[in-house]
Protein backbone atom coordinates (compact mmCIF):
# COMPACT_ATOMS: atom_id res chain seq x y z
CA MET A 1 -72.47 -67.68 19.80
CA ALA A 2 -68.85 -67.33 18.47
CA ARG A 3 -68.04 -67.03 14.94
CA LEU A 4 -67.89 -70.35 13.04
CA GLY A 5 -64.73 -71.14 10.90
CA PHE A 6 -64.58 -71.28 7.62
CA PRO A 7 -62.16 -73.32 5.19
CA VAL A 8 -59.39 -71.69 3.62
CA VAL A 9 -58.05 -74.18 0.50
CA LEU A 10 -54.97 -73.53 -1.03
CA SER A 11 -54.01 -75.14 -4.71
CA ALA A 12 -51.31 -75.37 -7.12
CA PRO A 13 -49.35 -77.82 -9.59
CA SER A 14 -47.22 -79.89 -7.62
CA GLY A 15 -43.94 -77.33 -6.51
CA THR A 16 -45.16 -74.21 -7.25
CA GLY A 17 -44.99 -74.13 -2.65
CA LYS A 18 -48.40 -74.41 -1.39
CA THR A 19 -47.14 -76.25 1.58
CA THR A 20 -44.72 -73.59 2.11
CA LEU A 21 -47.54 -70.65 2.01
CA SER A 22 -49.74 -72.77 3.93
CA HIS A 23 -47.43 -72.34 6.62
CA LEU A 24 -46.33 -68.94 6.86
CA LEU A 25 -49.81 -68.20 6.45
CA VAL A 26 -50.70 -70.46 9.71
CA ASN A 27 -48.06 -68.97 11.12
CA SER A 28 -49.23 -65.04 10.51
CA VAL A 29 -52.49 -64.91 11.06
CA ALA A 30 -53.98 -65.63 14.41
CA ASN A 31 -56.98 -68.51 15.11
CA LEU A 32 -55.14 -70.40 12.35
CA GLN A 33 -55.58 -74.54 12.07
CA ILE A 34 -53.43 -76.46 9.74
CA SER A 35 -55.79 -78.99 8.33
CA VAL A 36 -53.02 -82.70 8.27
CA SER A 37 -54.01 -84.56 5.16
CA TYR A 38 -54.05 -87.69 5.25
CA THR A 39 -51.47 -90.20 2.24
CA THR A 40 -50.31 -93.29 0.97
CA ARG A 41 -47.37 -92.17 -0.58
CA PRO A 42 -44.60 -92.63 0.81
CA ILE A 43 -42.50 -89.83 3.00
CA ARG A 44 -40.24 -87.47 1.13
CA GLY A 45 -36.90 -85.66 2.65
CA ASN A 46 -37.58 -84.51 6.56
CA GLU A 47 -41.05 -85.53 6.47
CA ARG A 48 -42.67 -85.81 9.66
CA ASP A 49 -45.82 -88.97 10.19
CA GLY A 50 -48.69 -86.50 11.88
CA ILE A 51 -47.10 -83.29 11.25
CA ASP A 52 -46.32 -82.94 7.41
CA TYR A 53 -48.78 -86.02 6.35
CA ASN A 54 -50.40 -88.80 8.10
CA PHE A 55 -48.81 -91.50 5.67
CA ILE A 56 -50.89 -94.80 5.75
CA SER A 57 -51.71 -97.61 3.91
CA ASP A 58 -53.81 -98.01 1.22
CA GLU A 59 -55.99 -100.59 3.24
CA GLY A 60 -56.22 -98.15 6.54
CA PHE A 61 -56.71 -95.25 3.93
CA GLN A 62 -59.95 -97.41 2.46
CA LYS A 63 -60.98 -97.90 5.52
CA ILE A 64 -61.28 -94.34 6.99
CA ILE A 65 -63.96 -94.24 3.06
CA ASP A 66 -65.89 -97.02 4.07
CA ASP A 67 -66.67 -95.41 7.71
CA ASN A 68 -67.29 -91.78 5.40
CA LYS A 69 -64.89 -89.61 7.56
CA PHE A 70 -63.33 -88.19 4.77
CA LEU A 71 -63.81 -84.69 4.32
CA GLU A 72 -62.83 -85.29 1.08
CA TRP A 73 -59.83 -87.26 -1.17
CA ALA A 74 -58.47 -87.49 -4.18
CA ASP A 75 -56.27 -89.72 -6.51
CA VAL A 76 -52.78 -87.68 -7.65
CA HIS A 77 -49.87 -89.06 -9.54
CA GLY A 78 -50.97 -92.66 -8.33
CA TYR A 79 -51.23 -92.26 -4.78
CA ARG A 80 -54.21 -91.49 -1.87
CA TYR A 81 -54.88 -88.41 -0.35
CA GLY A 82 -57.80 -86.82 1.89
CA SER A 83 -58.81 -85.18 5.01
CA GLY A 84 -60.16 -85.88 7.56
CA LEU A 85 -63.70 -84.81 8.61
CA ASP A 86 -64.13 -85.11 11.66
CA VAL A 87 -60.83 -82.80 13.23
CA THR A 88 -62.30 -80.66 10.43
CA GLN A 89 -65.43 -79.96 12.21
CA LYS A 90 -63.40 -79.44 15.52
CA GLY A 91 -61.77 -77.07 14.76
CA LEU A 92 -64.97 -74.82 12.43
CA ASP A 93 -66.73 -75.48 15.36
CA GLU A 94 -64.46 -73.93 17.41
CA GLY A 95 -64.18 -70.59 16.30
CA LEU A 96 -60.33 -71.48 14.14
CA ASP A 97 -60.59 -71.26 10.47
CA VAL A 98 -59.15 -74.29 9.04
CA VAL A 99 -55.87 -74.62 6.15
CA PHE A 100 -56.21 -76.84 3.00
CA ASP A 101 -52.54 -77.83 1.45
CA ILE A 102 -54.50 -79.93 -1.54
CA ASP A 103 -55.13 -80.50 -5.01
CA VAL A 104 -58.02 -79.08 -7.16
CA GLN A 105 -59.90 -81.67 -6.83
CA GLY A 106 -60.22 -82.06 -3.78
CA GLY A 107 -60.92 -78.31 -3.17
CA LEU A 108 -63.80 -78.58 -5.51
CA GLN A 109 -65.00 -81.21 -2.87
CA ILE A 110 -65.14 -79.12 0.17
CA LYS A 111 -66.54 -76.23 -1.64
CA LYS A 112 -69.41 -78.91 -2.08
CA ARG A 113 -69.72 -79.60 1.34
CA LEU A 114 -68.91 -76.69 2.58
CA PRO A 115 -70.04 -74.18 1.14
CA ASN A 116 -68.24 -71.62 3.17
CA ALA A 117 -65.00 -72.27 1.66
CA VAL A 118 -62.62 -69.67 -0.11
CA LEU A 119 -60.32 -71.84 -2.57
CA ILE A 120 -57.28 -69.96 -3.11
CA PHE A 121 -55.57 -70.92 -6.33
CA ILE A 122 -51.51 -70.56 -6.71
CA LEU A 123 -49.98 -69.91 -9.62
CA PRO A 124 -46.08 -70.56 -10.29
CA PRO A 125 -44.28 -68.25 -12.18
CA SER A 126 -43.87 -70.17 -15.43
CA LEU A 127 -44.38 -73.75 -16.49
CA GLU A 128 -40.35 -73.41 -17.31
CA ALA A 129 -39.78 -72.54 -12.97
CA LEU A 130 -41.88 -75.28 -12.03
CA GLU A 131 -40.19 -77.24 -14.22
CA GLU A 132 -36.97 -77.07 -12.61
CA ARG A 133 -38.24 -76.88 -9.42
CA LEU A 134 -39.55 -80.42 -9.46
CA THR A 135 -35.59 -81.83 -11.34
CA LYS A 136 -34.00 -79.61 -8.60
CA ARG A 137 -35.79 -81.26 -5.76
CA GLY A 138 -34.34 -84.54 -6.97
CA THR A 139 -37.77 -87.02 -5.57
CA ASP A 140 -38.86 -87.68 -9.36
CA SER A 141 -37.73 -89.43 -12.12
CA GLN A 142 -37.78 -87.69 -15.57
CA ASP A 143 -40.85 -89.75 -16.39
CA ARG A 144 -42.83 -88.03 -13.38
CA ILE A 145 -42.25 -85.22 -14.01
CA LYS A 146 -44.20 -85.09 -16.95
CA ARG A 147 -46.80 -86.60 -15.61
CA ARG A 148 -46.85 -84.15 -12.79
CA MET A 149 -46.52 -81.55 -15.74
CA LYS A 150 -48.98 -82.41 -17.41
CA ALA A 151 -51.42 -82.10 -14.84
CA SER A 152 -50.20 -79.23 -13.63
CA ARG A 153 -51.08 -78.01 -16.68
CA ASP A 154 -54.69 -79.14 -16.41
CA GLU A 155 -55.20 -78.16 -12.78
CA ILE A 156 -53.97 -74.36 -13.74
CA VAL A 157 -57.37 -74.53 -16.45
CA ILE A 158 -59.55 -76.05 -13.37
CA GLY A 159 -58.38 -73.17 -10.79
CA LEU A 160 -58.61 -70.38 -13.28
CA LYS A 161 -62.89 -71.51 -13.77
CA ASN A 162 -63.61 -72.30 -10.39
CA TYR A 163 -61.92 -71.32 -7.82
CA ASP A 164 -62.56 -68.10 -5.82
CA TYR A 165 -59.01 -66.23 -5.95
CA VAL A 166 -55.71 -66.64 -8.35
CA ILE A 167 -52.37 -65.79 -5.81
CA ASN A 168 -49.15 -65.72 -8.64
CA ASN A 169 -46.26 -67.45 -6.26
CA GLU A 170 -43.45 -65.62 -8.37
CA LYS A 171 -42.27 -63.43 -4.78
CA LEU A 172 -42.45 -65.63 -1.53
CA ASP A 173 -43.59 -62.23 0.56
CA ARG A 174 -46.10 -60.60 -2.17
CA ALA A 175 -47.54 -64.23 -2.21
CA LEU A 176 -47.92 -64.30 1.28
CA PHE A 177 -49.56 -60.95 1.19
CA ASP A 178 -52.13 -61.40 -0.35
CA LEU A 179 -53.01 -64.90 1.02
CA THR A 180 -53.20 -63.01 4.22
CA ALA A 181 -55.06 -59.96 2.79
CA ILE A 182 -58.00 -62.76 1.65
CA VAL A 183 -58.12 -64.71 4.76
CA ARG A 184 -59.20 -60.90 6.88
CA THR A 185 -61.42 -59.80 3.92
CA HIS A 186 -63.27 -63.04 3.89
CA ARG A 187 -63.12 -62.53 7.60
CA LEU A 188 -65.10 -59.22 8.02
CA GLN A 189 -67.54 -60.30 5.56
CA GLY A 190 -69.07 -62.80 7.56
CA ILE A 191 -69.30 -60.68 10.66
CA ASN A 192 -72.42 -60.95 13.12
CA ARG A 193 -73.95 -56.90 11.79
CA GLU A 194 -77.77 -57.96 13.84
CA LYS A 195 -75.57 -58.47 16.87
CA ILE A 196 -73.14 -55.47 16.44
CA LYS A 197 -76.15 -53.21 15.87
CA ASN A 198 -78.02 -54.57 19.03
CA ARG A 199 -74.27 -53.83 20.74
CA LEU A 200 -74.65 -49.92 19.46
CA LEU A 201 -77.52 -49.29 19.09
CA GLY A 202 -79.57 -50.77 21.75
């Protein structure tokens, strides 16, 4: 029997670069599948529906909740985000490790439902650098940026306390190197030792 996949959860304060890292990770390591979240927030910039997120209405989101079809969901910065259960389970059953780019609330929900999940928290170089990046992004008002910065402090506390690994995204290439090392290590920890023993020793 092929091995079952495990969830790889990446969480970070908004603007830290976790979405960039999640896509680089999937492109760098074989047998990874990125989970495309559902969200009620508007499309930003060059985002594409079904590629970056599944953009849906509040009513559509609520129906998925009512049908119990979310692996996790949460309210974040005034909008709702969730990960589909069926597509995730299908990937895991096929031996793919599924990468989630989600907030800490969702990460802890996944860990509770799927204990083999590996939780990775990504830190910004500094809060000052994070605020500067949010401001330069130009997608949020100053009031929303202030709310995001307050939420960032809370998320960092939760990430440092509850996540399995913590990575600093000061240098993108170094952060990606650390991410790939974590995934490869987690795979090695899950090898079927009994199967190997039978193959080598009979």
